[in-house]
Protein backbone atom coordinates (compact mmCIF):
# COMPACT_ATOMS: atom_id res chain seq x y z
CA GLN A 1 24.98 -94.87 -144.08
CA SER A 2 28.06 -93.81 -142.28
CA ASP A 3 28.74 -91.49 -139.36
CA PRO A 4 28.60 -87.58 -139.71
CA ILE A 5 31.99 -86.11 -139.34
CA PHE A 6 32.54 -83.39 -137.02
CA HIS A 7 35.41 -81.17 -134.88
CA TYR A 8 34.24 -79.51 -132.41
CA GLY A 9 35.97 -78.59 -128.96
CA PHE A 10 35.40 -77.01 -125.84
CA LYS A 11 37.61 -75.60 -123.47
CA GLU A 12 37.77 -74.04 -120.06
CA CYS A 13 40.36 -70.81 -120.10
CA PRO A 14 40.73 -67.80 -117.77
CA MET A 15 38.24 -64.80 -119.12
CA GLY A 16 41.25 -63.13 -121.27
CA LYS A 17 41.64 -66.05 -123.17
CA VAL A 18 38.42 -66.98 -124.40
CA ILE A 19 38.14 -63.02 -125.29
CA GLU A 20 41.69 -63.82 -127.43
CA GLU A 21 40.30 -67.22 -128.77
CA VAL A 22 37.28 -65.26 -130.09
CA HIS A 23 38.90 -62.19 -131.44
CA THR A 24 41.15 -64.52 -133.12
CA GLY A 25 38.95 -66.58 -134.98
CA LYS A 26 40.13 -69.73 -133.06
CA SER A 27 36.68 -70.13 -131.18
CA ASP A 28 33.02 -69.18 -132.72
CA LEU A 29 31.72 -68.31 -129.10
CA GLY A 30 32.84 -68.04 -125.66
CA ILE A 31 30.88 -67.93 -122.48
CA ILE A 32 31.89 -65.36 -119.63
CA PHE A 33 30.67 -63.69 -116.41
CA LEU A 34 30.92 -59.77 -116.16
CA SER A 35 30.61 -57.86 -112.53
CA ASP A 36 29.83 -54.51 -111.56
CA ILE A 37 33.48 -54.48 -111.30
CA THR A 38 34.43 -56.18 -114.82
CA GLU A 39 31.61 -54.95 -117.17
CA LEU A 40 33.05 -51.19 -117.77
CA PHE A 41 36.45 -52.59 -118.44
CA LEU A 42 35.19 -55.40 -121.11
CA SER A 43 32.59 -53.63 -122.31
CA ARG A 44 35.16 -51.12 -124.28
CA LEU A 45 37.64 -54.14 -124.85
CA PHE A 46 34.85 -56.03 -126.84
CA HIS A 47 34.45 -52.65 -128.57
CA THR A 48 37.83 -52.63 -129.38
CA LYS A 49 38.14 -56.53 -130.13
CA ASN A 50 35.20 -55.90 -132.53
CA LEU A 51 33.47 -58.63 -130.02
CA ILE A 52 29.45 -58.84 -129.12
CA PHE A 53 28.38 -59.30 -125.71
CA HIS A 54 25.04 -61.24 -125.93
CA GLU A 55 23.74 -61.40 -122.42
CA MET A 56 21.75 -64.47 -120.99
CA LYS A 57 20.70 -63.85 -117.62
CA ARG A 58 21.88 -61.64 -114.59
CA LEU A 59 22.21 -63.53 -111.36
CA ARG A 60 22.71 -62.94 -107.55
CA PRO A 61 26.32 -63.83 -106.89
CA HIS A 62 26.40 -67.20 -104.40
CA VAL A 63 29.22 -68.77 -102.12
CA PHE A 64 30.15 -72.12 -102.96
CA MET A 65 31.16 -74.45 -100.34
CA ASN A 66 30.79 -78.28 -99.15
CA LEU A 67 27.26 -79.54 -97.59
CA ASP A 68 29.23 -79.84 -94.23
CA HIS A 69 30.29 -76.52 -94.43
CA PRO A 70 29.70 -74.05 -91.05
CA LEU A 71 27.64 -72.17 -93.01
CA ALA A 72 25.92 -74.44 -95.09
CA GLN A 73 22.34 -74.11 -93.54
CA LYS A 74 22.44 -70.39 -93.97
CA LYS A 75 20.09 -68.94 -96.24
CA GLU A 76 22.33 -66.00 -97.00
CA ILE A 77 25.50 -65.21 -96.21
CA SER A 78 27.30 -61.69 -95.46
CA PHE A 79 30.90 -60.83 -96.98
CA ASP A 80 32.04 -60.48 -93.03
CA GLU A 81 31.27 -64.00 -92.87
CA LEU A 82 33.47 -65.36 -95.56
CA LYS A 83 36.85 -63.86 -94.40
CA LYS A 84 37.51 -66.35 -91.81
CA TYR A 85 37.54 -69.27 -94.69
CA PRO A 86 40.47 -70.13 -97.38
CA PHE A 87 39.09 -68.71 -100.49
CA VAL A 88 39.55 -70.21 -103.40
CA ILE A 89 40.67 -68.01 -106.66
CA PHE A 90 41.28 -69.32 -110.29
CA SER A 91 45.15 -68.16 -110.93
CA LYS A 92 45.54 -65.83 -113.83
CA LYS A 93 49.37 -65.87 -114.36
CA GLU A 94 48.89 -63.35 -117.44
CA GLU A 95 45.81 -61.46 -116.19
CA SER A 96 46.64 -60.50 -112.39
CA SER A 97 43.54 -58.03 -112.77
CA PHE A 98 40.37 -57.93 -111.14
CA ASN A 99 38.67 -56.74 -114.85
CA PHE A 100 39.03 -60.63 -115.65
CA SER A 101 38.23 -62.16 -112.40
CA GLU A 102 35.20 -64.21 -112.22
CA GLU A 103 35.32 -63.90 -108.23
CA ALA A 104 35.29 -60.25 -108.66
CA VAL A 105 32.21 -59.97 -106.77
CA LEU A 106 34.00 -59.80 -103.80
CA ASN A 107 34.39 -56.39 -102.68
CA HIS A 108 38.29 -55.53 -103.00
CA SER A 109 38.19 -54.46 -99.35
CA ILE A 110 37.81 -58.05 -98.16
CA GLU A 111 41.23 -59.17 -97.13
CA TYR A 112 41.73 -62.89 -97.16
CA ASN A 113 44.49 -64.16 -94.71
CA GLN A 114 43.85 -67.63 -96.80
CA ILE A 115 44.18 -67.76 -100.43
CA ILE A 116 44.15 -71.21 -102.30
CA TYR A 117 44.89 -70.31 -106.26
CA VAL A 118 43.71 -72.97 -108.76
CA ASN A 119 43.95 -73.21 -112.53
CA ASP A 120 41.14 -75.65 -113.10
CA ARG A 121 37.64 -76.17 -112.10
CA ALA A 122 37.98 -79.64 -111.33
CA THR A 123 40.69 -79.04 -108.54
CA ALA A 124 38.67 -76.07 -107.28
CA TYR A 125 35.56 -78.39 -106.75
CA ASN A 126 37.93 -81.04 -105.19
CA ILE A 127 39.36 -78.37 -102.36
CA LEU A 128 35.83 -77.15 -101.82
CA ALA A 129 34.21 -80.73 -101.48
CA HIS A 130 36.75 -81.68 -98.76
CA THR A 131 37.76 -78.41 -96.92
CA THR A 132 36.04 -75.42 -95.29
CA ALA A 133 37.18 -73.32 -98.42
CA ILE A 134 34.72 -71.52 -100.01
CA SER A 135 34.54 -69.73 -103.66
CA THR A 136 31.89 -67.37 -105.38
CA GLY A 137 30.42 -67.42 -108.73
CA SER A 138 27.10 -67.27 -109.95
CA GLY A 139 25.67 -70.50 -108.17
CA VAL A 140 24.78 -72.01 -111.19
CA LEU A 141 25.31 -75.98 -110.70
CA PRO A 142 23.73 -78.02 -113.44
CA ASP A 143 23.20 -81.74 -112.35
CA GLY A 144 25.69 -84.21 -113.46
CA TYR A 145 28.31 -81.16 -113.98
CA CYS A 146 29.41 -80.30 -110.41
CA ASP A 147 30.52 -82.14 -107.51
CA PRO A 148 27.08 -83.35 -105.59
CA ARG A 149 28.97 -82.54 -102.38
CA ILE A 150 29.35 -78.71 -103.20
CA LEU A 151 26.24 -76.23 -102.77
CA ALA A 152 25.40 -72.47 -103.38
CA ILE A 153 24.44 -69.80 -100.96
CA PRO A 154 23.29 -66.57 -101.88
CA ILE A 155 25.35 -63.82 -100.72
CA ALA A 156 23.48 -61.29 -98.85
CA PRO A 157 22.67 -57.74 -100.27
CA PRO A 158 23.89 -55.29 -100.90
CA VAL A 159 25.42 -57.23 -103.56
CA CYS A 160 25.41 -56.39 -107.20
CA ASP A 161 24.45 -59.17 -109.62
CA MET A 162 26.64 -61.31 -112.41
CA CYS A 163 25.92 -61.04 -115.47
CA ILE A 164 26.52 -64.09 -117.53
CA GLY A 165 26.33 -64.56 -121.83
CA TRP A 166 28.51 -65.29 -124.60
CA ILE A 167 30.63 -63.37 -126.92
CA SER A 168 31.09 -63.65 -130.76
CA ARG A 169 32.76 -61.66 -133.27
CA LYS A 170 30.99 -58.38 -135.04
CA GLY A 171 29.47 -59.28 -138.15
CA ASP A 172 30.30 -63.18 -137.92
CA SER A 173 27.33 -65.76 -138.22
CA LEU A 174 27.23 -68.70 -136.18
CA SER A 175 27.24 -72.31 -137.30
CA ASP A 176 23.61 -74.25 -137.02
CA LYS A 177 25.51 -76.53 -134.10
CA ALA A 178 26.84 -73.29 -132.66
CA LYS A 179 23.43 -71.78 -132.23
CA GLU A 180 22.02 -75.21 -131.04
CA PHE A 181 24.70 -75.13 -128.20
CA VAL A 182 23.66 -71.39 -127.62
CA GLN A 183 19.72 -72.51 -127.37
CA ILE A 184 20.71 -75.32 -125.10
CA LEU A 185 22.84 -73.20 -122.86
CA GLU A 186 20.37 -70.56 -122.44
CA GLU A 187 17.80 -72.86 -121.62
CA GLN A 188 20.05 -74.24 -119.07
CA ILE A 189 20.35 -70.87 -117.56
CA LYS A 190 16.42 -69.80 -117.70
CA LYS A 191 16.43 -72.66 -114.86
CA TYR A 192 18.41 -70.46 -112.33
């Protein structure tokens, strides 16, 4: 018996590109985060692009940093404590708006004097692992996926939850393999 033939792709892209990939049918589904700042805008965009957002879980935003960071021993971190550290942001050449930002969990009023723009997760993890720079996100750090020198600490209230989910085109059915992928993803997300 010969090996099965298949063609799968896993892409990491800015959120606007993820939405466009699914909208145009280049991807069957896309995984994205919504925040209180982005949710209304993105809900309208999904409607316009004939997409459905499937919520998996709401998560409290976290700060990512290295294990030796001066804040690494804290149970929670306030927004004010973050200001003095360099902030790593995924650069979005075509999307300068907070409407597409994973980092939008941070309050617009926070002014960072030191911002490091990156365009891939490996570079972000490397910077976080070797400097006092911080970033924000869901707090999801699956074993074997993330750099073990990085940890996630919850942001202190008041802060709105992030929502992780996946998008698909209205009326389209997922393949059995795509459904299996979503099931595995949902099982992993439930652990957090």
